[in-house]
Full PDB file with SEQRES, HELIX, SHEET, SSBOND, CRYST1, ORIGX, SCALE, CONECT and MASTER records, all heavy atoms in Angstrom:
SEQRES   1 A   38  ILE PRO LEU SER GLN SER MET LEU GLN LEU PRO TRP PHE          
SEQRES   2 A   38  ASP THR PHE ILE TYR LYS ARG HIS PRO ASN LEU PHE SER          
SEQRES   3 A   38  LYS ASN GLY SER ALA LEU GLU PRO SER PRO VAL LYS              
HELIX    1 AA1 SER A    6  GLN A    9  5                                   4    
HELIX    2 AA2 PRO A   11  ARG A   20  1                                  10    
HELIX    3 AA3 PRO A   22  LEU A   24  5                                   3    
HELIX    4 AA4 GLY A   29  LEU A   32  1                                   4    
CRYST1    1.000    1.000    1.000  90.00  90.00  90.00 P 1           1          
ORIGX1      1.000000  0.000000  0.000000        0.00000                         
ORIGX2      0.000000  1.000000  0.000000        0.00000                         
ORIGX3      0.000000  0.000000  1.000000        0.00000                         
SCALE1      1.000000  0.000000  0.000000        0.00000                         
SCALE2      0.000000  1.000000  0.000000        0.00000                         
SCALE3      0.000000  0.000000  1.000000        0.00000                         
ATOM      1  N   ILE A   1     -41.514 -70.647  35.524  1.00  0.00           N  
ATOM      2  CA  ILE A   1     -41.165 -69.651  36.513  1.00  0.00           C  
ATOM      3  C   ILE A   1     -41.901 -69.912  37.861  1.00  0.00           C  
ATOM      4  O   ILE A   1     -43.169 -69.573  37.875  1.00  0.00           O  
ATOM      5  CB  ILE A   1     -41.448 -68.293  36.041  1.00  0.00           C  
ATOM      6  CG1 ILE A   1     -40.727 -67.888  34.730  1.00  0.00           C  
ATOM      7  CG2 ILE A   1     -41.011 -67.175  37.137  1.00  0.00           C  
ATOM      8  CD1 ILE A   1     -40.948 -66.592  34.203  1.00  0.00           C  
ATOM      9  N   PRO A   2     -41.219 -70.511  38.916  1.00  0.00           N  
ATOM     10  CA  PRO A   2     -41.961 -70.797  40.115  1.00  0.00           C  
ATOM     11  C   PRO A   2     -41.888 -69.488  40.964  1.00  0.00           C  
ATOM     12  O   PRO A   2     -40.821 -68.973  41.176  1.00  0.00           O  
ATOM     13  CB  PRO A   2     -41.181 -71.937  40.728  1.00  0.00           C  
ATOM     14  CG  PRO A   2     -39.893 -71.748  40.198  1.00  0.00           C  
ATOM     15  CD  PRO A   2     -39.887 -71.094  38.833  1.00  0.00           C  
ATOM     16  N   LEU A   3     -43.038 -69.207  41.525  1.00  0.00           N  
ATOM     17  CA  LEU A   3     -43.192 -68.056  42.467  1.00  0.00           C  
ATOM     18  C   LEU A   3     -43.837 -68.442  43.727  1.00  0.00           C  
ATOM     19  O   LEU A   3     -45.001 -68.800  43.734  1.00  0.00           O  
ATOM     20  CB  LEU A   3     -43.888 -66.917  41.757  1.00  0.00           C  
ATOM     21  CG  LEU A   3     -43.321 -66.321  40.493  1.00  0.00           C  
ATOM     22  CD1 LEU A   3     -44.321 -65.349  39.814  1.00  0.00           C  
ATOM     23  CD2 LEU A   3     -42.029 -65.688  40.765  1.00  0.00           C  
ATOM     24  N   SER A   4     -43.147 -68.270  44.857  1.00  0.00           N  
ATOM     25  CA  SER A   4     -43.809 -68.489  46.199  1.00  0.00           C  
ATOM     26  C   SER A   4     -44.772 -67.461  46.446  1.00  0.00           C  
ATOM     27  O   SER A   4     -44.400 -66.252  46.547  1.00  0.00           O  
ATOM     28  CB  SER A   4     -42.676 -68.671  47.230  1.00  0.00           C  
ATOM     29  OG  SER A   4     -43.330 -68.604  48.525  1.00  0.00           O  
ATOM     30  N   GLN A   5     -46.067 -67.837  46.726  1.00  0.00           N  
ATOM     31  CA  GLN A   5     -47.053 -66.824  47.015  1.00  0.00           C  
ATOM     32  C   GLN A   5     -46.659 -65.981  48.257  1.00  0.00           C  
ATOM     33  O   GLN A   5     -46.970 -64.689  48.265  1.00  0.00           O  
ATOM     34  CB  GLN A   5     -48.490 -67.470  47.128  1.00  0.00           C  
ATOM     35  CG  GLN A   5     -48.948 -68.197  45.919  1.00  0.00           C  
ATOM     36  CD  GLN A   5     -50.180 -69.027  46.140  1.00  0.00           C  
ATOM     37  OE1 GLN A   5     -51.010 -68.680  46.932  1.00  0.00           O  
ATOM     38  NE2 GLN A   5     -50.199 -70.220  45.569  1.00  0.00           N  
ATOM     39  N   SER A   6     -46.300 -66.612  49.235  1.00  0.00           N  
ATOM     40  CA  SER A   6     -46.073 -65.921  50.499  1.00  0.00           C  
ATOM     41  C   SER A   6     -44.805 -65.023  50.360  1.00  0.00           C  
ATOM     42  O   SER A   6     -44.676 -63.988  50.917  1.00  0.00           O  
ATOM     43  CB  SER A   6     -45.812 -66.863  51.624  1.00  0.00           C  
ATOM     44  OG  SER A   6     -44.732 -67.831  51.423  1.00  0.00           O  
ATOM     45  N   MET A   7     -43.667 -65.487  49.681  1.00  0.00           N  
ATOM     46  CA  MET A   7     -42.526 -64.763  49.547  1.00  0.00           C  
ATOM     47  C   MET A   7     -42.583 -63.567  48.549  1.00  0.00           C  
ATOM     48  O   MET A   7     -41.777 -62.669  48.661  1.00  0.00           O  
ATOM     49  CB  MET A   7     -41.331 -65.732  49.025  1.00  0.00           C  
ATOM     50  CG  MET A   7     -41.003 -66.706  50.061  1.00  0.00           C  
ATOM     51  SD  MET A   7     -39.671 -67.918  49.628  1.00  0.00           S  
ATOM     52  CE  MET A   7     -38.356 -66.764  49.511  1.00  0.00           C  
ATOM     53  N   LEU A   8     -43.642 -63.436  47.823  1.00  0.00           N  
ATOM     54  CA  LEU A   8     -43.879 -62.281  47.104  1.00  0.00           C  
ATOM     55  C   LEU A   8     -44.171 -61.058  47.974  1.00  0.00           C  
ATOM     56  O   LEU A   8     -44.095 -60.001  47.509  1.00  0.00           O  
ATOM     57  CB  LEU A   8     -45.149 -62.454  46.064  1.00  0.00           C  
ATOM     58  CG  LEU A   8     -44.900 -63.341  44.892  1.00  0.00           C  
ATOM     59  CD1 LEU A   8     -46.209 -63.498  44.040  1.00  0.00           C  
ATOM     60  CD2 LEU A   8     -43.760 -62.741  43.990  1.00  0.00           C  
ATOM     61  N   GLN A   9     -44.405 -61.318  49.248  1.00  0.00           N  
ATOM     62  CA  GLN A   9     -44.592 -60.277  50.280  1.00  0.00           C  
ATOM     63  C   GLN A   9     -43.319 -59.609  50.592  1.00  0.00           C  
ATOM     64  O   GLN A   9     -43.350 -58.502  51.135  1.00  0.00           O  
ATOM     65  CB  GLN A   9     -45.266 -60.853  51.514  1.00  0.00           C  
ATOM     66  CG  GLN A   9     -45.585 -59.876  52.577  1.00  0.00           C  
ATOM     67  CD  GLN A   9     -46.803 -58.988  52.177  1.00  0.00           C  
ATOM     68  OE1 GLN A   9     -47.390 -59.179  51.176  1.00  0.00           O  
ATOM     69  NE2 GLN A   9     -47.090 -58.005  53.060  1.00  0.00           N  
ATOM     70  N   LEU A  10     -42.199 -60.178  50.224  1.00  0.00           N  
ATOM     71  CA  LEU A  10     -40.882 -59.761  50.626  1.00  0.00           C  
ATOM     72  C   LEU A  10     -40.151 -58.989  49.534  1.00  0.00           C  
ATOM     73  O   LEU A  10     -39.872 -59.479  48.446  1.00  0.00           O  
ATOM     74  CB  LEU A  10     -39.924 -60.962  51.054  1.00  0.00           C  
ATOM     75  CG  LEU A  10     -40.589 -61.958  51.993  1.00  0.00           C  
ATOM     76  CD1 LEU A  10     -39.712 -63.213  52.203  1.00  0.00           C  
ATOM     77  CD2 LEU A  10     -40.868 -61.226  53.400  1.00  0.00           C  
ATOM     78  N   PRO A  11     -39.829 -57.705  49.812  1.00  0.00           N  
ATOM     79  CA  PRO A  11     -39.186 -56.888  48.768  1.00  0.00           C  
ATOM     80  C   PRO A  11     -37.918 -57.550  48.201  1.00  0.00           C  
ATOM     81  O   PRO A  11     -37.597 -57.442  47.022  1.00  0.00           O  
ATOM     82  CB  PRO A  11     -38.916 -55.554  49.414  1.00  0.00           C  
ATOM     83  CG  PRO A  11     -39.971 -55.515  50.395  1.00  0.00           C  
ATOM     84  CD  PRO A  11     -40.120 -56.899  50.938  1.00  0.00           C  
ATOM     85  N   TRP A  12     -37.061 -58.146  49.060  1.00  0.00           N  
ATOM     86  CA  TRP A  12     -35.835 -58.745  48.585  1.00  0.00           C  
ATOM     87  C   TRP A  12     -36.070 -59.851  47.635  1.00  0.00           C  
ATOM     88  O   TRP A  12     -35.362 -60.051  46.660  1.00  0.00           O  
ATOM     89  CB  TRP A  12     -34.960 -59.259  49.756  1.00  0.00           C  
ATOM     90  CG  TRP A  12     -35.343 -60.478  50.489  1.00  0.00           C  
ATOM     91  CD1 TRP A  12     -36.079 -60.616  51.682  1.00  0.00           C  
ATOM     92  CD2 TRP A  12     -35.082 -61.858  50.057  1.00  0.00           C  
ATOM     93  NE1 TRP A  12     -36.323 -61.958  51.941  1.00  0.00           N  
ATOM     94  CE2 TRP A  12     -35.662 -62.707  51.003  1.00  0.00           C  
ATOM     95  CE3 TRP A  12     -34.501 -62.465  48.895  1.00  0.00           C  
ATOM     96  CZ2 TRP A  12     -35.683 -64.079  50.863  1.00  0.00           C  
ATOM     97  CZ3 TRP A  12     -34.519 -63.797  48.789  1.00  0.00           C  
ATOM     98  CH2 TRP A  12     -35.060 -64.674  49.790  1.00  0.00           C  
ATOM     99  N   PHE A  13     -37.174 -60.619  47.824  1.00  0.00           N  
ATOM    100  CA  PHE A  13     -37.486 -61.750  46.943  1.00  0.00           C  
ATOM    101  C   PHE A  13     -38.024 -61.146  45.607  1.00  0.00           C  
ATOM    102  O   PHE A  13     -37.705 -61.633  44.542  1.00  0.00           O  
ATOM    103  CB  PHE A  13     -38.648 -62.648  47.589  1.00  0.00           C  
ATOM    104  CG  PHE A  13     -39.098 -63.762  46.760  1.00  0.00           C  
ATOM    105  CD1 PHE A  13     -38.278 -64.903  46.557  1.00  0.00           C  
ATOM    106  CD2 PHE A  13     -40.265 -63.716  45.993  1.00  0.00           C  
ATOM    107  CE1 PHE A  13     -38.687 -65.950  45.755  1.00  0.00           C  
ATOM    108  CE2 PHE A  13     -40.695 -64.752  45.211  1.00  0.00           C  
ATOM    109  CZ  PHE A  13     -39.792 -65.845  45.100  1.00  0.00           C  
ATOM    110  N   ASP A  14     -38.876 -60.103  45.697  1.00  0.00           N  
ATOM    111  CA  ASP A  14     -39.285 -59.409  44.484  1.00  0.00           C  
ATOM    112  C   ASP A  14     -38.089 -58.949  43.648  1.00  0.00           C  
ATOM    113  O   ASP A  14     -38.067 -59.102  42.385  1.00  0.00           O  
ATOM    114  CB  ASP A  14     -40.206 -58.293  44.839  1.00  0.00           C  
ATOM    115  CG  ASP A  14     -41.419 -58.625  45.447  1.00  0.00           C  
ATOM    116  OD1 ASP A  14     -41.774 -59.812  45.409  1.00  0.00           O  
ATOM    117  OD2 ASP A  14     -42.010 -57.796  46.184  1.00  0.00           O  
ATOM    118  N   THR A  15     -37.063 -58.376  44.325  1.00  0.00           N  
ATOM    119  CA  THR A  15     -35.919 -57.952  43.523  1.00  0.00           C  
ATOM    120  C   THR A  15     -35.158 -59.016  42.857  1.00  0.00           C  
ATOM    121  O   THR A  15     -34.621 -58.931  41.785  1.00  0.00           O  
ATOM    122  CB  THR A  15     -34.946 -57.157  44.569  1.00  0.00           C  
ATOM    123  OG1 THR A  15     -35.703 -55.988  45.130  1.00  0.00           O  
ATOM    124  CG2 THR A  15     -33.752 -56.621  43.829  1.00  0.00           C  
ATOM    125  N   PHE A  16     -34.964 -60.142  43.736  1.00  0.00           N  
ATOM    126  CA  PHE A  16     -34.366 -61.254  43.204  1.00  0.00           C  
ATOM    127  C   PHE A  16     -34.939 -61.876  41.849  1.00  0.00           C  
ATOM    128  O   PHE A  16     -34.336 -62.113  40.901  1.00  0.00           O  
ATOM    129  CB  PHE A  16     -34.298 -62.444  44.190  1.00  0.00           C  
ATOM    130  CG  PHE A  16     -33.812 -63.792  43.681  1.00  0.00           C  
ATOM    131  CD1 PHE A  16     -32.424 -63.993  43.357  1.00  0.00           C  
ATOM    132  CD2 PHE A  16     -34.690 -64.787  43.511  1.00  0.00           C  
ATOM    133  CE1 PHE A  16     -31.975 -65.141  42.918  1.00  0.00           C  
ATOM    134  CE2 PHE A  16     -34.277 -66.022  43.098  1.00  0.00           C  
ATOM    135  CZ  PHE A  16     -32.848 -66.213  42.747  1.00  0.00           C  
ATOM    136  N   ILE A  17     -36.265 -61.973  41.985  1.00  0.00           N  
ATOM    137  CA  ILE A  17     -37.045 -62.422  40.786  1.00  0.00           C  
ATOM    138  C   ILE A  17     -37.033 -61.545  39.728  1.00  0.00           C  
ATOM    139  O   ILE A  17     -36.995 -61.839  38.427  1.00  0.00           O  
ATOM    140  CB  ILE A  17     -38.572 -62.714  41.165  1.00  0.00           C  
ATOM    141  CG1 ILE A  17     -38.589 -63.898  42.186  1.00  0.00           C  
ATOM    142  CG2 ILE A  17     -39.352 -63.140  39.927  1.00  0.00           C  
ATOM    143  CD1 ILE A  17     -38.094 -65.149  41.748  1.00  0.00           C  
ATOM    144  N   TYR A  18     -37.137 -60.187  39.954  1.00  0.00           N  
ATOM    145  CA  TYR A  18     -36.874 -59.172  38.919  1.00  0.00           C  
ATOM    146  C   TYR A  18     -35.654 -59.292  38.179  1.00  0.00           C  
ATOM    147  O   TYR A  18     -35.666 -59.108  36.966  1.00  0.00           O  
ATOM    148  CB  TYR A  18     -37.202 -57.736  39.603  1.00  0.00           C  
ATOM    149  CG  TYR A  18     -37.142 -56.633  38.530  1.00  0.00           C  
ATOM    150  CD1 TYR A  18     -38.156 -56.370  37.758  1.00  0.00           C  
ATOM    151  CD2 TYR A  18     -36.068 -55.855  38.510  1.00  0.00           C  
ATOM    152  CE1 TYR A  18     -38.182 -55.382  36.813  1.00  0.00           C  
ATOM    153  CE2 TYR A  18     -35.941 -54.800  37.556  1.00  0.00           C  
ATOM    154  CZ  TYR A  18     -37.089 -54.483  36.784  1.00  0.00           C  
ATOM    155  OH  TYR A  18     -37.083 -53.507  35.815  1.00  0.00           O  
ATOM    156  N   LYS A  19     -34.583 -59.497  38.861  1.00  0.00           N  
ATOM    157  CA  LYS A  19     -33.328 -59.623  38.139  1.00  0.00           C  
ATOM    158  C   LYS A  19     -33.252 -60.867  37.328  1.00  0.00           C  
ATOM    159  O   LYS A  19     -32.641 -60.795  36.177  1.00  0.00           O  
ATOM    160  CB  LYS A  19     -32.195 -59.683  39.252  1.00  0.00           C  
ATOM    161  CG  LYS A  19     -31.930 -58.516  40.051  1.00  0.00           C  
ATOM    162  CD  LYS A  19     -30.803 -58.591  41.103  1.00  0.00           C  
ATOM    163  CE  LYS A  19     -30.496 -57.409  41.797  1.00  0.00           C  
ATOM    164  NZ  LYS A  19     -29.489 -57.497  42.787  1.00  0.00           N  
ATOM    165  N   ARG A  20     -33.958 -61.938  37.728  1.00  0.00           N  
ATOM    166  CA  ARG A  20     -34.009 -63.157  36.881  1.00  0.00           C  
ATOM    167  C   ARG A  20     -34.937 -62.931  35.752  1.00  0.00           C  
ATOM    168  O   ARG A  20     -34.644 -63.554  34.616  1.00  0.00           O  
ATOM    169  CB  ARG A  20     -34.291 -64.291  37.741  1.00  0.00           C  
ATOM    170  CG  ARG A  20     -33.202 -64.859  38.603  1.00  0.00           C  
ATOM    171  CD  ARG A  20     -33.509 -66.365  39.038  1.00  0.00           C  
ATOM    172  NE  ARG A  20     -32.368 -66.952  39.541  1.00  0.00           N  
ATOM    173  CZ  ARG A  20     -32.323 -68.304  39.894  1.00  0.00           C  
ATOM    174  NH1 ARG A  20     -33.370 -68.973  39.688  1.00  0.00           N  
ATOM    175  NH2 ARG A  20     -31.186 -68.828  40.280  1.00  0.00           N  
ATOM    176  N   HIS A  21     -36.082 -62.357  35.973  1.00  0.00           N  
ATOM    177  CA  HIS A  21     -37.107 -62.289  34.955  1.00  0.00           C  
ATOM    178  C   HIS A  21     -37.702 -60.868  34.866  1.00  0.00           C  
ATOM    179  O   HIS A  21     -38.847 -60.589  35.251  1.00  0.00           O  
ATOM    180  CB  HIS A  21     -38.337 -63.269  35.346  1.00  0.00           C  
ATOM    181  CG  HIS A  21     -37.783 -64.609  35.586  1.00  0.00           C  
ATOM    182  ND1 HIS A  21     -37.492 -65.533  34.614  1.00  0.00           N  
ATOM    183  CD2 HIS A  21     -37.630 -65.413  36.755  1.00  0.00           C  
ATOM    184  CE1 HIS A  21     -37.139 -66.708  35.113  1.00  0.00           C  
ATOM    185  NE2 HIS A  21     -37.222 -66.624  36.370  1.00  0.00           N  
ATOM    186  N   PRO A  22     -36.967 -59.917  34.276  1.00  0.00           N  
ATOM    187  CA  PRO A  22     -37.336 -58.520  34.353  1.00  0.00           C  
ATOM    188  C   PRO A  22     -38.628 -58.276  33.518  1.00  0.00           C  
ATOM    189  O   PRO A  22     -39.350 -57.283  33.895  1.00  0.00           O  
ATOM    190  CB  PRO A  22     -36.105 -57.809  33.759  1.00  0.00           C  
ATOM    191  CG  PRO A  22     -35.400 -58.858  33.019  1.00  0.00           C  
ATOM    192  CD  PRO A  22     -35.601 -60.094  33.778  1.00  0.00           C  
ATOM    193  N   ASN A  23     -38.884 -59.078  32.553  1.00  0.00           N  
ATOM    194  CA  ASN A  23     -40.106 -58.900  31.763  1.00  0.00           C  
ATOM    195  C   ASN A  23     -41.446 -59.408  32.401  1.00  0.00           C  
ATOM    196  O   ASN A  23     -42.532 -59.280  31.911  1.00  0.00           O  
ATOM    197  CB  ASN A  23     -40.038 -59.596  30.443  1.00  0.00           C  
ATOM    198  CG  ASN A  23     -38.909 -59.023  29.692  1.00  0.00           C  
ATOM    199  OD1 ASN A  23     -38.660 -57.769  29.603  1.00  0.00           O  
ATOM    200  ND2 ASN A  23     -38.195 -59.838  28.778  1.00  0.00           N  
ATOM    201  N   LEU A  24     -41.224 -59.994  33.616  1.00  0.00           N  
ATOM    202  CA  LEU A  24     -42.290 -60.512  34.347  1.00  0.00           C  
ATOM    203  C   LEU A  24     -43.234 -59.472  35.071  1.00  0.00           C  
ATOM    204  O   LEU A  24     -44.405 -59.575  35.146  1.00  0.00           O  
ATOM    205  CB  LEU A  24     -41.850 -61.544  35.526  1.00  0.00           C  
ATOM    206  CG  LEU A  24     -42.948 -62.379  36.127  1.00  0.00           C  
ATOM    207  CD1 LEU A  24     -43.475 -63.412  35.123  1.00  0.00           C  
ATOM    208  CD2 LEU A  24     -42.182 -63.191  37.259  1.00  0.00           C  
ATOM    209  N   PHE A  25     -42.502 -58.371  35.412  1.00  0.00           N  
ATOM    210  CA  PHE A  25     -43.198 -57.217  36.091  1.00  0.00           C  
ATOM    211  C   PHE A  25     -43.252 -56.126  35.207  1.00  0.00           C  
ATOM    212  O   PHE A  25     -42.429 -55.944  34.217  1.00  0.00           O  
ATOM    213  CB  PHE A  25     -42.327 -56.833  37.305  1.00  0.00           C  
ATOM    214  CG  PHE A  25     -42.086 -57.997  38.296  1.00  0.00           C  
ATOM    215  CD1 PHE A  25     -40.949 -58.787  38.112  1.00  0.00           C  
ATOM    216  CD2 PHE A  25     -42.945 -58.147  39.401  1.00  0.00           C  
ATOM    217  CE1 PHE A  25     -40.755 -59.758  39.103  1.00  0.00           C  
ATOM    218  CE2 PHE A  25     -42.605 -59.077  40.356  1.00  0.00           C  
ATOM    219  CZ  PHE A  25     -41.583 -59.934  40.137  1.00  0.00           C  
ATOM    220  N   SER A  26     -44.022 -55.063  35.558  1.00  0.00           N  
ATOM    221  CA  SER A  26     -44.073 -53.756  34.885  1.00  0.00           C  
ATOM    222  C   SER A  26     -42.852 -52.963  35.440  1.00  0.00           C  
ATOM    223  O   SER A  26     -42.278 -52.134  34.740  1.00  0.00           O  
ATOM    224  CB  SER A  26     -45.272 -52.992  35.113  1.00  0.00           C  
ATOM    225  OG  SER A  26     -45.538 -52.648  36.506  1.00  0.00           O  
ATOM    226  N   LYS A  27     -42.423 -53.217  36.706  1.00  0.00           N  
ATOM    227  CA  LYS A  27     -41.216 -52.695  37.234  1.00  0.00           C  
ATOM    228  C   LYS A  27     -40.857 -53.612  38.428  1.00  0.00           C  
ATOM    229  O   LYS A  27     -41.672 -54.401  38.889  1.00  0.00           O  
ATOM    230  CB  LYS A  27     -41.337 -51.218  37.691  1.00  0.00           C  
ATOM    231  CG  LYS A  27     -42.587 -50.833  38.607  1.00  0.00           C  
ATOM    232  CD  LYS A  27     -42.570 -49.394  38.872  1.00  0.00           C  
ATOM    233  CE  LYS A  27     -43.852 -49.030  39.643  1.00  0.00           C  
ATOM    234  NZ  LYS A  27     -43.917 -47.581  39.893  1.00  0.00           N  
ATOM    235  N   ASN A  28     -39.742 -53.261  39.183  1.00  0.00           N  
ATOM    236  CA  ASN A  28     -39.341 -54.177  40.323  1.00  0.00           C  
ATOM    237  C   ASN A  28     -40.468 -54.147  41.315  1.00  0.00           C  
ATOM    238  O   ASN A  28     -41.112 -53.119  41.777  1.00  0.00           O  
ATOM    239  CB  ASN A  28     -38.163 -53.441  40.963  1.00  0.00           C  
ATOM    240  CG  ASN A  28     -37.558 -54.364  42.081  1.00  0.00           C  
ATOM    241  OD1 ASN A  28     -38.290 -55.177  42.637  1.00  0.00           O  
ATOM    242  ND2 ASN A  28     -36.214 -54.286  42.217  1.00  0.00           N  
ATOM    243  N   GLY A  29     -40.895 -55.379  41.767  1.00  0.00           N  
ATOM    244  CA  GLY A  29     -42.018 -55.594  42.709  1.00  0.00           C  
ATOM    245  C   GLY A  29     -41.896 -54.805  43.926  1.00  0.00           C  
ATOM    246  O   GLY A  29     -42.904 -54.318  44.469  1.00  0.00           O  
ATOM    247  N   SER A  30     -40.648 -54.510  44.434  1.00  0.00           N  
ATOM    248  CA  SER A  30     -40.608 -53.726  45.628  1.00  0.00           C  
ATOM    249  C   SER A  30     -40.894 -52.288  45.487  1.00  0.00           C  
ATOM    250  O   SER A  30     -41.312 -51.572  46.374  1.00  0.00           O  
ATOM    251  CB  SER A  30     -39.196 -53.856  46.215  1.00  0.00           C  
ATOM    252  OG  SER A  30     -38.178 -53.360  45.176  1.00  0.00           O  
ATOM    253  N   ALA A  31     -40.900 -51.878  44.166  1.00  0.00           N  
ATOM    254  CA  ALA A  31     -41.182 -50.415  43.912  1.00  0.00           C  
ATOM    255  C   ALA A  31     -42.720 -50.322  43.526  1.00  0.00           C  
ATOM    256  O   ALA A  31     -43.290 -49.201  43.599  1.00  0.00           O  
ATOM    257  CB  ALA A  31     -40.472 -49.981  42.668  1.00  0.00           C  
ATOM    258  N   LEU A  32     -43.406 -51.458  43.361  1.00  0.00           N  
ATOM    259  CA  LEU A  32     -44.744 -51.384  43.078  1.00  0.00           C  
ATOM    260  C   LEU A  32     -45.625 -51.003  44.275  1.00  0.00           C  
ATOM    261  O   LEU A  32     -46.619 -50.131  44.147  1.00  0.00           O  
ATOM    262  CB  LEU A  32     -45.363 -52.833  42.528  1.00  0.00           C  
ATOM    263  CG  LEU A  32     -44.950 -53.273  41.130  1.00  0.00           C  
ATOM    264  CD1 LEU A  32     -45.188 -54.781  40.996  1.00  0.00           C  
ATOM    265  CD2 LEU A  32     -45.637 -52.418  40.057  1.00  0.00           C  
ATOM    266  N   GLU A  33     -45.218 -51.437  45.345  1.00  0.00           N  
ATOM    267  CA  GLU A  33     -45.964 -51.243  46.656  1.00  0.00           C  
ATOM    268  C   GLU A  33     -44.863 -51.310  47.763  1.00  0.00           C  
ATOM    269  O   GLU A  33     -44.727 -52.466  48.250  1.00  0.00           O  
ATOM    270  CB  GLU A  33     -47.160 -52.097  46.857  1.00  0.00           C  
ATOM    271  CG  GLU A  33     -47.897 -51.922  48.135  1.00  0.00           C  
ATOM    272  CD  GLU A  33     -48.251 -50.399  48.318  1.00  0.00           C  
ATOM    273  OE1 GLU A  33     -48.880 -49.798  47.493  1.00  0.00           O  
ATOM    274  OE2 GLU A  33     -47.922 -49.923  49.394  1.00  0.00           O  
ATOM    275  N   PRO A  34     -44.220 -50.388  48.127  1.00  0.00           N  
ATOM    276  CA  PRO A  34     -43.126 -50.469  49.192  1.00  0.00           C  
ATOM    277  C   PRO A  34     -43.572 -50.871  50.541  1.00  0.00           C  
ATOM    278  O   PRO A  34     -42.843 -51.362  51.339  1.00  0.00           O  
ATOM    279  CB  PRO A  34     -42.437 -49.105  49.152  1.00  0.00           C  
ATOM    280  CG  PRO A  34     -43.583 -48.166  48.710  1.00  0.00           C  
ATOM    281  CD  PRO A  34     -44.403 -49.007  47.666  1.00  0.00           C  
ATOM    282  N   SER A  35     -44.863 -50.681  50.810  1.00  0.00           N  
ATOM    283  CA  SER A  35     -45.309 -50.978  52.094  1.00  0.00           C  
ATOM    284  C   SER A  35     -46.003 -52.454  52.272  1.00  0.00           C  
ATOM    285  O   SER A  35     -46.343 -52.910  51.085  1.00  0.00           O  
ATOM    286  CB  SER A  35     -46.373 -50.010  52.683  1.00  0.00           C  
ATOM    287  OG  SER A  35     -47.577 -50.023  51.818  1.00  0.00           O  
ATOM    288  N   PRO A  36     -46.054 -53.095  53.422  1.00  0.00           N  
ATOM    289  CA  PRO A  36     -46.630 -54.458  53.445  1.00  0.00           C  
ATOM    290  C   PRO A  36     -48.023 -54.517  53.063  1.00  0.00           C  
ATOM    291  O   PRO A  36     -48.571 -55.603  52.643  1.00  0.00           O  
ATOM    292  CB  PRO A  36     -46.387 -54.785  54.904  1.00  0.00           C  
ATOM    293  CG  PRO A  36     -45.328 -53.902  55.389  1.00  0.00           C  
ATOM    294  CD  PRO A  36     -45.619 -52.589  54.670  1.00  0.00           C  
ATOM    295  N   VAL A  37     -48.845 -53.453  53.256  1.00  0.00           N  
ATOM    296  CA  VAL A  37     -50.209 -53.495  52.793  1.00  0.00           C  
ATOM    297  C   VAL A  37     -50.643 -52.228  51.986  1.00  0.00           C  
ATOM    298  O   VAL A  37     -49.854 -51.241  51.974  1.00  0.00           O  
ATOM    299  CB  VAL A  37     -51.108 -53.514  54.082  1.00  0.00           C  
ATOM    300  CG1 VAL A  37     -50.981 -54.780  54.894  1.00  0.00           C  
ATOM    301  CG2 VAL A  37     -50.886 -52.385  55.012  1.00  0.00           C  
ATOM    302  N   LYS A  38     -51.764 -52.305  51.286  1.00  0.00           N  
ATOM    303  CA  LYS A  38     -52.221 -51.267  50.524  1.00  0.00           C  
ATOM    304  C   LYS A  38     -53.783 -51.066  50.677  1.00  0.00           C  
ATOM    305  O   LYS A  38     -54.439 -52.046  50.597  1.00  0.00           O  
ATOM    306  CB  LYS A  38     -51.907 -51.570  48.941  1.00  0.00           C  
ATOM    307  CG  LYS A  38     -52.386 -50.446  47.983  1.00  0.00           C  
ATOM    308  CD  LYS A  38     -52.161 -50.887  46.572  1.00  0.00           C  
ATOM    309  CE  LYS A  38     -52.614 -49.892  45.510  1.00  0.00           C  
ATOM    310  NZ  LYS A  38     -51.822 -48.755  45.600  1.00  0.00           N  
TER     311      LYS A  38                                                      
MASTER        0    0    0    4    0    0    0    6  310    1    0    3          
END                                                                             
């Protein structure tokens, strides 16, 4: 499973990966942290 470190910053990319590998996350990455910073 290749994951671009920089593209994990993008909610659309997290959603794409989540659809392909739902067991990779606890939930869709875009829902983990909706803002760019925490």
